PDB file of N, CA and C in Angstrom:
ATOM      1  N   MET A   1      27.897 -20.941 -43.826  1.00  0.00           N
ATOM      2  CA  MET A   1      27.049 -20.458 -42.774  1.00  0.00           C
ATOM      3  C   MET A   1      27.716 -19.238 -42.122  1.00  0.00           C
ATOM      4  N   ARG A   2      26.916 -18.213 -41.880  1.00  0.00           N
ATOM      5  CA  ARG A   2      27.449 -16.986 -41.302  1.00  0.00           C
ATOM      6  C   ARG A   2      27.550 -17.104 -39.787  1.00  0.00           C
ATOM      7  N   LYS A   3      28.580 -16.496 -39.260  1.00  0.00           N
ATOM      8  CA  LYS A   3      28.783 -16.484 -37.815  1.00  0.00           C
ATOM      9  C   LYS A   3      27.869 -15.442 -37.179  1.00  0.00           C
ATOM     10  N   LYS A   4      27.200 -15.807 -36.106  1.00  0.00           N
ATOM     11  CA  LYS A   4      26.328 -14.869 -35.405  1.00  0.00           C
ATOM     12  C   LYS A   4      27.159 -14.012 -34.464  1.00  0.00           C
ATOM     13  N   HIS A   5      26.839 -12.717 -34.429  1.00  0.00           N
ATOM     14  CA  HIS A   5      27.533 -11.792 -33.542  1.00  0.00           C
ATOM     15  C   HIS A   5      26.571 -11.358 -32.454  1.00  0.00           C
ATOM     16  N   GLY A   6      27.090 -11.166 -31.264  1.00  0.00           N
ATOM     17  CA  GLY A   6      26.273 -10.672 -30.170  1.00  0.00           C
ATOM     18  C   GLY A   6      26.063  -9.169 -30.302  1.00  0.00           C
ATOM     19  N   LEU A   7      25.190  -8.636 -29.481  1.00  0.00           N
ATOM     20  CA  LEU A   7      24.894  -7.204 -29.521  1.00  0.00           C
ATOM     21  C   LEU A   7      26.127  -6.359 -29.232  1.00  0.00           C
ATOM     22  N   ALA A   8      26.975  -6.823 -28.335  1.00  0.00           N
ATOM     23  CA  ALA A   8      28.182  -6.060 -28.011  1.00  0.00           C
ATOM     24  C   ALA A   8      29.094  -5.938 -29.225  1.00  0.00           C
ATOM     25  N   ALA A   9      29.218  -6.992 -29.994  1.00  0.00           N
ATOM     26  CA  ALA A   9      30.072  -6.948 -31.183  1.00  0.00           C
ATOM     27  C   ALA A   9      29.469  -6.074 -32.274  1.00  0.00           C
ATOM     28  N   ILE A  10      28.158  -6.050 -32.367  1.00  0.00           N
ATOM     29  CA  ILE A  10      27.495  -5.272 -33.412  1.00  0.00           C
ATOM     30  C   ILE A  10      27.540  -3.775 -33.108  1.00  0.00           C
ATOM     31  N   PHE A  11      27.317  -3.411 -31.855  1.00  0.00           N
ATOM     32  CA  PHE A  11      27.159  -2.002 -31.506  1.00  0.00           C
ATOM     33  C   PHE A  11      28.380  -1.371 -30.847  1.00  0.00           C
ATOM     34  N   ALA A  12      29.503  -2.060 -30.762  1.00  0.00           N
ATOM     35  CA  ALA A  12      30.680  -1.519 -30.080  1.00  0.00           C
ATOM     36  C   ALA A  12      31.225  -0.276 -30.797  1.00  0.00           C
ATOM     37  N   ILE A  13      31.465  -0.363 -32.083  1.00  0.00           N
ATOM     38  CA  ILE A  13      32.033   0.767 -32.824  1.00  0.00           C
ATOM     39  C   ILE A  13      31.043   1.927 -32.933  1.00  0.00           C
ATOM     40  N   PRO A  14      29.772   1.698 -33.274  1.00  0.00           N
ATOM     41  CA  PRO A  14      28.832   2.821 -33.302  1.00  0.00           C
ATOM     42  C   PRO A  14      28.696   3.514 -31.945  1.00  0.00           C
ATOM     43  N   LEU A  15      28.740   2.756 -30.866  1.00  0.00           N
ATOM     44  CA  LEU A  15      28.664   3.358 -29.534  1.00  0.00           C
ATOM     45  C   LEU A  15      29.901   4.199 -29.252  1.00  0.00           C
ATOM     46  N   LEU A  16      31.061   3.703 -29.643  1.00  0.00           N
ATOM     47  CA  LEU A  16      32.300   4.464 -29.461  1.00  0.00           C
ATOM     48  C   LEU A  16      32.270   5.766 -30.259  1.00  0.00           C
ATOM     49  N   VAL A  17      31.804   5.718 -31.493  1.00  0.00           N
ATOM     50  CA  VAL A  17      31.711   6.924 -32.323  1.00  0.00           C
ATOM     51  C   VAL A  17      30.725   7.911 -31.708  1.00  0.00           C
ATOM     52  N   ALA A  18      29.616   7.422 -31.186  1.00  0.00           N
ATOM     53  CA  ALA A  18      28.637   8.294 -30.542  1.00  0.00           C
ATOM     54  C   ALA A  18      29.213   8.961 -29.299  1.00  0.00           C
ATOM     55  N   LEU A  19      29.931   8.217 -28.484  1.00  0.00           N
ATOM     56  CA  LEU A  19      30.528   8.790 -27.279  1.00  0.00           C
ATOM     57  C   LEU A  19      31.599   9.827 -27.606  1.00  0.00           C
ATOM     58  N   VAL A  20      32.395   9.559 -28.628  1.00  0.00           N
ATOM     59  CA  VAL A  20      33.407  10.536 -29.049  1.00  0.00           C
ATOM     60  C   VAL A  20      32.742  11.795 -29.581  1.00  0.00           C
ATOM     61  N   SER A  21      31.645  11.642 -30.308  1.00  0.00           N
ATOM     62  CA  SER A  21      30.913  12.799 -30.831  1.00  0.00           C
ATOM     63  C   SER A  21      30.330  13.644 -29.699  1.00  0.00           C
ATOM     64  N   ILE A  22      29.734  12.986 -28.722  1.00  0.00           N
ATOM     65  CA  ILE A  22      29.173  13.717 -27.586  1.00  0.00           C
ATOM     66  C   ILE A  22      30.274  14.430 -26.812  1.00  0.00           C
ATOM     67  N   ALA A  23      31.386  13.765 -26.599  1.00  0.00           N
ATOM     68  CA  ALA A  23      32.506  14.396 -25.903  1.00  0.00           C
ATOM     69  C   ALA A  23      33.017  15.591 -26.699  1.00  0.00           C
ATOM     70  N   GLY A  24      33.101  15.480 -28.013  1.00  0.00           N
ATOM     71  CA  GLY A  24      33.542  16.593 -28.848  1.00  0.00           C
ATOM     72  C   GLY A  24      32.606  17.781 -28.769  1.00  0.00           C
ATOM     73  N   LEU A  25      31.306  17.520 -28.731  1.00  0.00           N
ATOM     74  CA  LEU A  25      30.341  18.609 -28.611  1.00  0.00           C
ATOM     75  C   LEU A  25      30.442  19.301 -27.257  1.00  0.00           C
ATOM     76  N   VAL A  26      30.600  18.526 -26.197  1.00  0.00           N
ATOM     77  CA  VAL A  26      30.725  19.110 -24.862  1.00  0.00           C
ATOM     78  C   VAL A  26      32.000  19.931 -24.753  1.00  0.00           C
ATOM     79  N   VAL A  27      33.101  19.406 -25.264  1.00  0.00           N
ATOM     80  CA  VAL A  27      34.367  20.136 -25.222  1.00  0.00           C
ATOM     81  C   VAL A  27      34.272  21.421 -26.033  1.00  0.00           C
ATOM     82  N   ALA A  28      33.586  21.388 -27.165  1.00  0.00           N
ATOM     83  CA  ALA A  28      33.439  22.586 -28.001  1.00  0.00           C
ATOM     84  C   ALA A  28      32.635  23.665 -27.281  1.00  0.00           C
ATOM     85  N   LEU A  29      31.690  23.268 -26.477  1.00  0.00           N
ATOM     86  CA  LEU A  29      30.848  24.241 -25.779  1.00  0.00           C
ATOM     87  C   LEU A  29      31.475  24.783 -24.500  1.00  0.00           C
ATOM     88  N   THR A  30      32.479  24.128 -23.981  1.00  0.00           N
ATOM     89  CA  THR A  30      33.001  24.504 -22.666  1.00  0.00           C
ATOM     90  C   THR A  30      34.331  25.236 -22.680  1.00  0.00           C
ATOM     91  N   GLY A  31      34.935  25.465 -23.826  1.00  0.00           N
ATOM     92  CA  GLY A  31      36.221  26.143 -23.772  1.00  0.00           C
ATOM     93  C   GLY A  31      36.709  26.625 -25.115  1.00  0.00           C
ATOM     94  N   ASP A  32      37.834  27.327 -25.068  1.00  0.00           N
ATOM     95  CA  ASP A  32      38.485  27.865 -26.259  1.00  0.00           C
ATOM     96  C   ASP A  32      39.920  27.362 -26.331  1.00  0.00           C
ATOM     97  N   GLY A  33      40.592  27.744 -27.403  1.00  0.00           N
ATOM     98  CA  GLY A  33      42.003  27.403 -27.554  1.00  0.00           C
ATOM     99  C   GLY A  33      42.207  25.945 -27.888  1.00  0.00           C
ATOM    100  N   LEU A  34      42.921  25.250 -27.015  1.00  0.00           N
ATOM    101  CA  LEU A  34      43.240  23.839 -27.241  1.00  0.00           C
ATOM    102  C   LEU A  34      41.980  22.977 -27.265  1.00  0.00           C
ATOM    103  N   ARG A  35      40.972  23.375 -26.524  1.00  0.00           N
ATOM    104  CA  ARG A  35      39.714  22.620 -26.523  1.00  0.00           C
ATOM    105  C   ARG A  35      39.028  22.701 -27.883  1.00  0.00           C
ATOM    106  N   ASP A  36      39.167  23.822 -28.570  1.00  0.00           N
ATOM    107  CA  ASP A  36      38.603  23.917 -29.918  1.00  0.00           C
ATOM    108  C   ASP A  36      39.247  22.898 -30.853  1.00  0.00           C
ATOM    109  N   ALA A  37      40.564  22.773 -30.757  1.00  0.00           N
ATOM    110  CA  ALA A  37      41.268  21.805 -31.599  1.00  0.00           C
ATOM    111  C   ALA A  37      40.846  20.376 -31.259  1.00  0.00           C
ATOM    112  N   ALA A  38      40.692  20.093 -29.971  1.00  0.00           N
ATOM    113  CA  ALA A  38      40.265  18.756 -29.554  1.00  0.00           C
ATOM    114  C   ALA A  38      38.847  18.460 -30.046  1.00  0.00           C
ATOM    115  N   SER A  39      37.985  19.467 -30.008  1.00  0.00           N
ATOM    116  CA  SER A  39      36.609  19.249 -30.471  1.00  0.00           C
ATOM    117  C   SER A  39      36.570  19.036 -31.980  1.00  0.00           C
ATOM    118  N   TRP A  40      37.372  19.767 -32.728  1.00  0.00           N
ATOM    119  CA  TRP A  40      37.440  19.564 -34.180  1.00  0.00           C
ATOM    120  C   TRP A  40      37.900  18.138 -34.483  1.00  0.00           C
ATOM    121  N   PHE A  41      38.895  17.678 -33.757  1.00  0.00           N
ATOM    122  CA  PHE A  41      39.396  16.320 -33.962  1.00  0.00           C
ATOM    123  C   PHE A  41      38.310  15.291 -33.642  1.00  0.00           C
ATOM    124  N   ALA A  42      37.648  15.473 -32.495  1.00  0.00           N
ATOM    125  CA  ALA A  42      36.624  14.513 -32.079  1.00  0.00           C
ATOM    126  C   ALA A  42      35.439  14.514 -33.038  1.00  0.00           C
ATOM    127  N   LEU A  43      35.059  15.681 -33.537  1.00  0.00           N
ATOM    128  CA  LEU A  43      33.909  15.756 -34.429  1.00  0.00           C
ATOM    129  C   LEU A  43      34.243  15.359 -35.865  1.00  0.00           C
ATOM    130  N   ALA A  44      35.526  15.251 -36.186  1.00  0.00           N
ATOM    131  CA  ALA A  44      35.924  14.792 -37.515  1.00  0.00           C
ATOM    132  C   ALA A  44      35.911  13.270 -37.609  1.00  0.00           C
ATOM    133  N   ILE A  45      35.985  12.594 -36.484  1.00  0.00           N
ATOM    134  CA  ILE A  45      36.033  11.129 -36.493  1.00  0.00           C
ATOM    135  C   ILE A  45      34.796  10.509 -37.149  1.00  0.00           C
ATOM    136  N   PRO A  46      33.563  10.952 -36.837  1.00  0.00           N
ATOM    137  CA  PRO A  46      32.408  10.366 -37.536  1.00  0.00           C
ATOM    138  C   PRO A  46      32.420  10.629 -39.043  1.00  0.00           C
ATOM    139  N   VAL A  47      32.926  11.782 -39.449  1.00  0.00           N
ATOM    140  CA  VAL A  47      33.001  12.091 -40.884  1.00  0.00           C
ATOM    141  C   VAL A  47      33.955  11.114 -41.572  1.00  0.00           C
ATOM    142  N   PHE A  48      35.109  10.871 -40.964  1.00  0.00           N
ATOM    143  CA  PHE A  48      36.064   9.924 -41.535  1.00  0.00           C
ATOM    144  C   PHE A  48      35.515   8.499 -41.489  1.00  0.00           C
ATOM    145  N   ALA A  49      34.747   8.162 -40.459  1.00  0.00           N
ATOM    146  CA  ALA A  49      34.158   6.824 -40.370  1.00  0.00           C
ATOM    147  C   ALA A  49      33.157   6.593 -41.497  1.00  0.00           C
ATOM    148  N   VAL A  50      32.362   7.594 -41.810  1.00  0.00           N
ATOM    149  CA  VAL A  50      31.409   7.474 -42.916  1.00  0.00           C
ATOM    150  C   VAL A  50      32.152   7.355 -44.245  1.00  0.00           C
ATOM    151  N   GLY A  51      33.193   8.161 -44.422  1.00  0.00           N
ATOM    152  CA  GLY A  51      33.996   8.069 -45.643  1.00  0.00           C
ATOM    153  C   GLY A  51      34.635   6.704 -45.800  1.00  0.00           C
ATOM    154  N   TRP A  52      35.165   6.177 -44.700  1.00  0.00           N
ATOM    155  CA  TRP A  52      35.770   4.847 -44.740  1.00  0.00           C
ATOM    156  C   TRP A  52      34.717   3.797 -45.083  1.00  0.00           C
ATOM    157  N   ALA A  53      33.539   3.892 -44.458  1.00  0.00           N
ATOM    158  CA  ALA A  53      32.484   2.908 -44.703  1.00  0.00           C
ATOM    159  C   ALA A  53      32.000   2.964 -46.145  1.00  0.00           C
ATOM    160  N   MET A  54      31.909   4.149 -46.707  1.00  0.00           N
ATOM    161  CA  MET A  54      31.455   4.270 -48.104  1.00  0.00           C
ATOM    162  C   MET A  54      32.514   3.731 -49.066  1.00  0.00           C
ATOM    163  N   THR A  55      33.768   3.849 -48.700  1.00  0.00           N
ATOM    164  CA  THR A  55      34.845   3.362 -49.561  1.00  0.00           C
ATOM    165  C   THR A  55      34.946   1.841 -49.537  1.00  0.00           C
ATOM    166  N   PHE A  56      34.822   1.266 -48.362  1.00  0.00           N
ATOM    167  CA  PHE A  56      35.061  -0.161 -48.208  1.00  0.00           C
ATOM    168  C   PHE A  56      33.810  -0.976 -47.952  1.00  0.00           C
ATOM    169  N   ARG A  57      32.653  -0.446 -48.278  1.00  0.00           N
ATOM    170  CA  ARG A  57      31.427  -1.200 -48.017  1.00  0.00           C
ATOM    171  C   ARG A  57      31.328  -2.396 -48.953  1.00  0.00           C
ATOM    172  N   ARG A  58      30.603  -3.376 -48.515  1.00  0.00           N
ATOM    173  CA  ARG A  58      30.399  -4.575 -49.317  1.00  0.00           C
ATOM    174  C   ARG A  58      29.247  -4.348 -50.275  1.00  0.00           C
ATOM    175  N   THR A  59      29.327  -4.955 -51.425  1.00  0.00           N
ATOM    176  CA  THR A  59      28.244  -4.806 -52.405  1.00  0.00           C
ATOM    177  C   THR A  59      27.420  -6.065 -52.466  1.00  0.00           C
TER     178      THR A  59
END
């Protein structure tokens, strides 16, 4: 029998990725220099998350 997960457990990681993406977009629009590097880092996280999910997904 499968364990039931609540909404918080299901949507915690997607919500975190969404918030990091939004923060990365805002930082990219508001500054140069170090902020550009921070935005690149923040916007790379969803790309790596998709790559990780495609590598380790269940069949």
